[in-house]
Amino acid sequence: METCSLYLTATSIVLGLISAASWLRASVIKVSHEKAMKNREKEAGKRGESPNYASVSLDGWDMSATFSAQSKWNAAGAFFAASSILLQAIAQILENV
């Protein structure tokens, strides 16, 4: 049981670090207007539609695409944090059994 608990704790630490890195990435990620337009053209091409070029830019960064990218990184951070906490809770239970 101690070995299993040790592995769970080590995995929990790794997941916690991945979570922190994901949230750090979410805090600094920015999507350029040019990259956002290329992505919109690519996605519209997959659907066989014409791309929607409407956007809001601030200092060369596409706001909508930046918010979307930040949202994805925040979701990843939350997932890894929850996984880390779950593994730590299981490790604590196994230590007390």
Protein backbone atom coordinates (compact mmCIF):
# COMPACT_ATOMS: atom_id res chain seq x y z
CA MET A 1 0.00 0.00 0.00
CA GLU A 2 2.83 2.40 0.78
CA THR A 3 4.33 1.94 -2.68
CA CYS A 4 0.99 2.61 -4.32
CA SER A 5 0.50 5.68 -2.16
CA LEU A 6 3.98 6.90 -3.08
CA TYR A 7 3.26 6.54 -6.81
CA LEU A 8 -0.07 8.32 -6.43
CA THR A 9 1.60 11.18 -4.56
CA ALA A 10 4.38 11.47 -7.15
CA THR A 11 1.83 11.48 -9.98
CA SER A 12 -0.20 14.07 -8.09
CA ILE A 13 2.85 16.33 -7.88
CA VAL A 14 3.52 15.97 -11.61
CA LEU A 15 -0.10 16.74 -12.44
CA GLY A 16 0.04 19.75 -10.13
CA LEU A 17 3.08 21.05 -11.99
CA ILE A 18 1.36 20.50 -15.35
CA SER A 19 -1.64 22.38 -13.97
CA ALA A 20 0.53 25.30 -12.92
CA ALA A 21 2.24 25.36 -16.32
CA SER A 22 -1.14 25.33 -18.08
CA TRP A 23 -2.38 28.28 -16.04
CA LEU A 24 0.88 30.13 -16.62
CA ARG A 25 0.51 29.55 -20.37
CA ALA A 26 -3.11 30.79 -20.22
CA SER A 27 -1.94 33.99 -18.58
CA VAL A 28 0.53 34.89 -21.33
CA ILE A 29 -0.89 33.41 -24.54
CA LYS A 30 -1.81 35.83 -27.29
CA VAL A 31 -3.02 35.09 -30.83
CA SER A 32 -1.94 37.48 -33.57
CA HIS A 33 -4.53 38.91 -35.92
CA GLU A 34 -2.82 37.22 -38.89
CA LYS A 35 -2.80 33.80 -37.24
CA ALA A 36 -6.45 34.17 -36.24
CA MET A 37 -7.42 35.01 -39.83
CA LYS A 38 -5.52 31.98 -41.17
CA ASN A 39 -7.29 29.76 -38.63
CA ARG A 40 -10.68 31.19 -39.61
CA GLU A 41 -9.97 30.60 -43.30
CA LYS A 42 -8.89 27.02 -42.56
CA GLU A 43 -11.97 26.25 -40.44
CA ALA A 44 -14.32 27.86 -42.98
CA GLY A 45 -12.69 25.83 -45.75
CA LYS A 46 -13.38 22.61 -43.83
CA ARG A 47 -17.07 23.54 -43.63
CA GLY A 48 -17.22 24.80 -47.21
CA GLU A 49 -18.19 28.30 -46.10
CA SER A 50 -16.65 31.71 -46.60
CA PRO A 51 -14.62 32.90 -43.60
CA ASN A 52 -15.93 35.52 -41.21
CA TYR A 53 -13.30 38.25 -41.05
CA ALA A 54 -15.06 40.31 -38.38
CA SER A 55 -12.78 40.75 -35.39
CA VAL A 56 -11.54 43.06 -32.68
CA SER A 57 -7.81 43.59 -32.36
CA LEU A 58 -5.83 45.24 -29.61
CA ASP A 59 -2.14 45.97 -30.19
CA GLY A 60 -2.10 43.42 -33.04
CA TRP A 61 -3.69 40.64 -30.99
CA ASP A 62 -7.05 39.19 -32.00
CA MET A 63 -9.18 39.41 -28.87
CA SER A 64 -11.67 36.63 -29.68
CA ALA A 65 -8.99 34.12 -30.66
CA THR A 66 -6.87 35.09 -27.65
CA PHE A 67 -9.80 34.60 -25.26
CA SER A 68 -10.54 31.24 -26.87
CA ALA A 69 -6.93 30.08 -26.49
CA GLN A 70 -6.83 31.28 -22.87
CA SER A 71 -10.06 29.41 -22.17
CA LYS A 72 -8.60 26.14 -23.50
CA TRP A 73 -5.43 26.50 -21.40
CA ASN A 74 -7.49 27.40 -18.30
CA ALA A 75 -9.64 24.31 -18.83
CA ALA A 76 -6.53 22.14 -19.09
CA GLY A 77 -5.15 23.71 -15.90
CA ALA A 78 -8.39 23.01 -14.03
CA PHE A 79 -8.49 19.41 -15.28
CA PHE A 80 -4.93 18.69 -14.16
CA ALA A 81 -5.51 20.40 -10.79
CA ALA A 82 -8.64 18.32 -10.17
CA SER A 83 -6.80 15.14 -11.18
CA SER A 84 -3.94 16.02 -8.84
CA ILE A 85 -6.29 16.59 -5.91
CA LEU A 86 -8.16 13.35 -6.63
CA LEU A 87 -4.96 11.30 -6.66
CA GLN A 88 -3.77 12.96 -3.46
CA ALA A 89 -7.07 12.16 -1.76
CA ILE A 90 -6.85 8.52 -2.84
CA ALA A 91 -3.26 8.36 -1.56
CA GLN A 92 -4.39 9.71 1.82
CA ILE A 93 -7.18 7.14 2.02
CA LEU A 94 -4.79 4.30 1.20
CA GLU A 95 -2.35 5.47 3.88
CA ASN A 96 -5.09 5.42 6.49
CA VAL A 97 -6.39 1.94 5.60
